[in-house]
Amino acid sequence: MRASTALGAAVLAAAQALLGCGRTQSTAGSPAAGRDERLAVASGAFETEAIDVDSFARRIDPSLVPLATVDHPSRGPAQAPVTIRIFSDFECPFCARAVPVMREVEAEFGGRVRTVWFHFPLPGHPHAELAAVAGVLVYRARGGVAFWRFHDALFDVADSGLSASVIERLASREGVAPATLRAALATGANGKVAADFAAGDAAGVRGTPAFLVNDRMVTGVMPYPEFRALVAKALSEAK
């Protein structure tokens, strides 16, 4: 790897570390201050060179890649050559900022990509567990379309901050009564949230948002050119 490519990879890695929520703190850096500058530096580092995916996306043991089952909300065909497992926290401001990137991925790659949701509520976020449980109940009650609508609604209010009342109101729109939600919180929706978290933990997820693109993992908000390169690499390997 040439020196300039190595430098670009280091800058991207640093930007990712700043643009995510860690398990031991509520956020890694401010979600607003300096964000645009970090994204610009990370993306610009690769403007004149091919993007070396292996420099920022680590492979994991395929046996640690969690199964994507019917219990997980997903978009895209089940037989798509690339599966993107998203480990996310509804109260993580950086997870909200990753949503437009994923929309670009789905728009460009269409039926060649499947995105699958895993709940990964961080301990430092007081309302993340409730939001995750609400997501499980909405999906169980009304299916994938309702879940993704609920997902969008939660992230739309992320900048204003989540609260129990906001989560209950949005879940109620999708047919989940506040009393039902409060009762389910005690068991983590019968263990579903804990199971998702354990699957991410076993795969090496240490913060949010985290993405497994087939068997390559990245953590943090990534500029679209780098995420696109990661998906394109996975597609080329799946042929």
Protein backbone atom coordinates (compact mmCIF):
# COMPACT_ATOMS: atom_id res chain seq x y z
CA MET A 1 0.00 0.00 0.00
CA ARG A 2 1.38 3.41 -0.90
CA ALA A 3 1.92 5.98 1.84
CA SER A 4 -0.93 8.22 0.68
CA THR A 5 -3.37 5.31 0.72
CA ALA A 6 -2.22 4.32 4.19
CA LEU A 7 -2.72 7.90 5.36
CA GLY A 8 -6.20 7.97 3.86
CA ALA A 9 -7.12 4.73 5.61
CA ALA A 10 -5.86 6.10 8.92
CA VAL A 11 -7.89 9.28 8.51
CA LEU A 12 -11.01 7.27 7.69
CA ALA A 13 -10.49 5.01 10.70
CA ALA A 14 -10.11 8.03 12.95
CA ALA A 15 -13.23 9.64 11.48
CA GLN A 16 -15.24 6.47 12.03
CA ALA A 17 -14.09 6.26 15.65
CA LEU A 18 -15.38 9.77 16.22
CA LEU A 19 -18.64 9.20 14.40
CA GLY A 20 -20.16 6.49 16.53
CA CYS A 21 -21.41 5.65 20.01
CA GLY A 22 -19.29 3.40 22.20
CA ARG A 23 -20.42 0.85 24.75
CA THR A 24 -18.79 2.69 27.65
CA GLN A 25 -19.96 6.20 26.85
CA SER A 26 -23.07 7.81 25.45
CA THR A 27 -21.30 9.23 22.40
CA ALA A 28 -17.79 9.24 21.00
CA GLY A 29 -17.38 12.92 20.33
CA SER A 30 -20.06 15.51 19.73
CA PRO A 31 -22.70 14.53 17.15
CA ALA A 32 -22.66 18.03 15.72
CA ALA A 33 -19.35 19.82 16.30
CA GLY A 34 -16.83 19.06 13.59
CA ARG A 35 -18.90 16.32 11.97
CA ASP A 36 -18.94 17.77 8.47
CA GLU A 37 -15.22 18.47 8.60
CA ARG A 38 -14.40 14.89 9.62
CA LEU A 39 -16.60 13.43 6.90
CA ALA A 40 -15.02 15.70 4.29
CA VAL A 41 -11.50 14.71 5.29
CA ALA A 42 -12.33 11.01 5.34
CA SER A 43 -14.00 11.04 1.95
CA GLY A 44 -11.43 13.31 0.33
CA ALA A 45 -8.59 11.06 1.39
CA PHE A 46 -9.55 8.67 -1.40
CA GLU A 47 -10.42 11.07 -4.17
CA THR A 48 -7.45 10.22 -6.38
CA GLU A 49 -6.93 6.56 -5.52
CA ALA A 50 -8.87 3.33 -5.53
CA ILE A 51 -10.46 2.66 -2.16
CA ASP A 52 -8.76 -0.18 -0.32
CA VAL A 53 -11.65 -1.84 1.49
CA ASP A 54 -9.38 -4.13 3.49
CA SER A 55 -7.75 -1.12 5.09
CA PHE A 56 -10.89 -0.14 7.01
CA ALA A 57 -13.24 -3.16 6.99
CA ARG A 58 -12.05 -6.17 8.94
CA ARG A 59 -13.10 -9.70 8.14
CA ILE A 60 -14.59 -11.77 10.92
CA ASP A 61 -14.86 -15.52 11.30
CA PRO A 62 -17.86 -16.54 9.16
CA SER A 63 -19.08 -18.73 12.02
CA LEU A 64 -19.60 -15.54 14.06
CA VAL A 65 -21.85 -13.90 11.46
CA PRO A 66 -25.32 -14.08 13.04
CA LEU A 67 -28.16 -15.69 11.17
CA ALA A 68 -30.67 -13.35 9.59
CA THR A 69 -34.02 -14.95 10.37
CA VAL A 70 -37.66 -14.07 9.87
CA ASP A 71 -37.54 -12.56 13.38
CA HIS A 72 -35.34 -9.75 12.05
CA PRO A 73 -36.80 -6.84 10.10
CA SER A 74 -35.22 -6.72 6.66
CA ARG A 75 -35.44 -5.10 3.25
CA GLY A 76 -34.41 -6.67 -0.02
CA PRO A 77 -34.59 -10.24 -1.31
CA ALA A 78 -33.58 -13.04 1.04
CA GLN A 79 -31.36 -14.51 -1.68
CA ALA A 80 -29.46 -11.28 -2.38
CA PRO A 81 -25.71 -11.89 -2.80
CA VAL A 82 -24.87 -9.23 -0.20
CA THR A 83 -26.45 -9.04 3.23
CA ILE A 84 -25.83 -5.98 5.38
CA ARG A 85 -26.50 -6.64 9.05
CA ILE A 86 -27.09 -3.36 10.86
CA PHE A 87 -26.42 -3.22 14.60
CA SER A 88 -28.07 -0.05 15.76
CA ASP A 89 -29.37 1.93 18.71
CA PHE A 90 -32.37 4.22 18.27
CA GLU A 91 -30.93 6.70 20.76
CA CYS A 92 -27.49 6.90 19.11
CA PRO A 93 -27.31 10.15 17.10
CA PHE A 94 -24.74 8.64 14.78
CA CYS A 95 -27.06 5.75 13.94
CA ALA A 96 -29.56 8.37 12.77
CA ARG A 97 -26.90 9.86 10.51
CA ALA A 98 -26.17 6.48 8.96
CA VAL A 99 -29.77 6.13 7.72
CA PRO A 100 -29.29 8.29 4.57
CA VAL A 101 -26.19 6.28 3.66
CA MET A 102 -28.16 3.05 3.82
CA ARG A 103 -30.91 4.57 1.70
CA GLU A 104 -28.32 5.41 -0.95
CA VAL A 105 -27.01 1.84 -0.83
CA GLU A 106 -30.49 0.39 -1.30
CA ALA A 107 -31.31 2.85 -4.08
CA GLU A 108 -28.15 2.08 -6.05
CA PHE A 109 -27.81 -1.66 -5.52
CA GLY A 110 -31.49 -2.59 -5.41
CA GLY A 111 -32.19 -6.30 -5.36
CA ARG A 112 -28.54 -7.23 -5.04
CA VAL A 113 -28.50 -6.15 -1.38
CA ARG A 114 -30.51 -7.16 1.65
CA THR A 115 -30.39 -5.09 4.83
CA VAL A 116 -31.19 -6.79 8.15
CA TRP A 117 -31.78 -5.02 11.47
CA PHE A 118 -30.33 -6.11 14.83
CA HIS A 119 -31.12 -4.23 18.02
CA PHE A 120 -28.01 -3.11 19.90
CA PRO A 121 -29.16 -0.66 22.61
CA LEU A 122 -26.18 0.74 24.49
CA PRO A 123 -26.18 0.89 28.30
CA GLY A 124 -25.36 4.60 28.28
CA HIS A 125 -28.59 5.50 26.48
CA PRO A 126 -31.47 5.57 28.97
CA HIS A 127 -34.29 5.11 26.44
CA ALA A 128 -32.57 2.79 23.96
CA GLU A 129 -33.86 -0.43 25.50
CA LEU A 130 -37.45 0.80 25.49
CA ALA A 131 -37.12 1.91 21.87
CA ALA A 132 -35.69 -1.48 20.90
CA VAL A 133 -38.50 -3.34 22.66
CA ALA A 134 -41.02 -1.10 20.93
CA GLY A 135 -39.40 -1.93 17.59
CA VAL A 136 -39.72 -5.65 18.29
CA LEU A 137 -43.38 -5.32 19.22
CA VAL A 138 -44.23 -3.19 16.21
CA TYR A 139 -42.57 -5.72 13.91
CA ARG A 140 -44.38 -8.63 15.55
CA ALA A 141 -47.72 -6.84 15.42
CA ARG A 142 -47.69 -5.36 11.93
CA GLY A 143 -44.65 -6.61 10.03
CA GLY A 144 -41.74 -5.08 8.19
CA VAL A 145 -43.43 -2.09 6.60
CA ALA A 146 -44.63 -0.89 10.01
CA PHE A 147 -41.22 -1.52 11.59
CA TRP A 148 -39.34 0.55 9.02
CA ARG A 149 -41.91 3.30 9.32
CA PHE A 150 -41.42 3.25 13.11
CA HIS A 151 -37.63 3.19 12.57
CA ASP A 152 -37.82 6.31 10.40
CA ALA A 153 -40.10 8.09 12.85
CA LEU A 154 -37.76 7.43 15.79
CA PHE A 155 -34.70 8.66 13.92
CA ASP A 156 -36.61 11.69 12.64
CA VAL A 157 -36.95 12.90 16.23
CA ALA A 158 -33.42 11.88 17.24
CA ASP A 159 -32.06 15.42 17.26
CA SER A 160 -34.74 16.46 19.74
CA GLY A 161 -33.96 13.51 21.99
CA LEU A 162 -35.95 10.40 22.81
CA SER A 163 -38.18 10.00 25.83
CA ALA A 164 -40.50 7.29 27.05
CA SER A 165 -43.53 9.36 26.06
CA VAL A 166 -42.23 9.91 22.51
CA ILE A 167 -41.49 6.21 22.07
CA GLU A 168 -44.91 5.24 23.42
CA ARG A 169 -46.65 7.73 21.15
CA LEU A 170 -44.88 6.50 18.03
CA ALA A 171 -45.44 2.85 18.96
CA SER A 172 -49.12 3.57 19.56
CA ARG A 173 -49.41 4.78 15.98
CA GLU A 174 -48.37 1.28 14.93
CA GLY A 175 -50.85 -0.49 17.18
CA VAL A 176 -48.68 -1.14 20.25
CA ALA A 177 -50.40 0.17 23.39
CA PRO A 178 -48.28 1.87 26.08
CA ALA A 179 -49.30 -0.72 28.68
CA THR A 180 -48.20 -3.55 26.36
CA LEU A 181 -44.89 -1.84 25.75
CA ARG A 182 -44.19 -1.27 29.45
CA ALA A 183 -44.97 -4.90 30.25
CA ALA A 184 -42.66 -6.15 27.49
CA LEU A 185 -39.78 -3.99 28.72
CA ALA A 186 -39.34 -6.22 31.77
CA THR A 187 -38.42 -9.19 29.58
CA GLY A 188 -36.78 -7.35 26.71
CA ALA A 189 -39.61 -8.54 24.45
CA ASN A 190 -39.19 -12.12 25.66
CA GLY A 191 -35.43 -11.99 25.25
CA LYS A 192 -35.36 -10.78 21.65
CA VAL A 193 -33.38 -7.62 22.37
CA ALA A 194 -30.86 -9.53 24.50
CA ALA A 195 -30.49 -12.16 21.76
CA ASP A 196 -29.70 -9.50 19.15
CA PHE A 197 -27.23 -7.84 21.50
CA ALA A 198 -25.53 -11.17 22.25
CA ALA A 199 -25.21 -11.93 18.54
CA GLY A 200 -23.54 -8.58 17.95
CA ASP A 201 -21.30 -9.03 20.97
CA ALA A 202 -20.15 -12.44 19.71
CA ALA A 203 -19.39 -10.95 16.29
CA GLY A 204 -17.25 -8.22 17.86
CA VAL A 205 -19.61 -5.24 17.81
CA ARG A 206 -18.32 -2.66 20.29
CA GLY A 207 -20.29 0.43 19.31
CA THR A 208 -22.99 1.77 17.05
CA PRO A 209 -23.72 1.96 14.25
CA ALA A 210 -21.92 -1.22 13.22
CA PHE A 211 -22.34 -3.00 9.90
CA LEU A 212 -21.53 -6.51 8.76
CA VAL A 213 -21.36 -6.54 4.98
CA ASN A 214 -21.31 -10.28 4.41
CA ASP A 215 -18.28 -11.07 6.59
CA ARG A 216 -16.63 -7.63 6.75
CA MET A 217 -17.30 -5.33 9.69
CA VAL A 218 -17.13 -1.55 9.94
CA THR A 219 -18.17 0.68 12.83
CA GLY A 220 -19.31 4.29 12.70
CA VAL A 221 -20.85 6.59 10.13
CA MET A 222 -19.09 6.13 6.81
CA PRO A 223 -19.07 8.47 3.80
CA TYR A 224 -21.06 6.95 0.97
CA PRO A 225 -18.10 6.39 -1.43
CA GLU A 226 -16.40 4.13 1.11
CA PHE A 227 -19.57 2.21 1.96
CA ARG A 228 -20.32 1.84 -1.74
CA ALA A 229 -16.83 0.40 -2.30
CA LEU A 230 -17.41 -2.07 0.52
CA VAL A 231 -20.67 -3.28 -1.00
CA ALA A 232 -19.15 -3.46 -4.49
CA LYS A 233 -16.27 -5.55 -3.10
CA ALA A 234 -18.73 -7.94 -1.45
CA LEU A 235 -20.67 -8.26 -4.69
CA SER A 236 -17.54 -9.06 -6.67
CA GLU A 237 -16.58 -11.74 -4.17
CA ALA A 238 -20.06 -13.27 -4.19
CA LYS A 239 -19.97 -14.06 -7.91
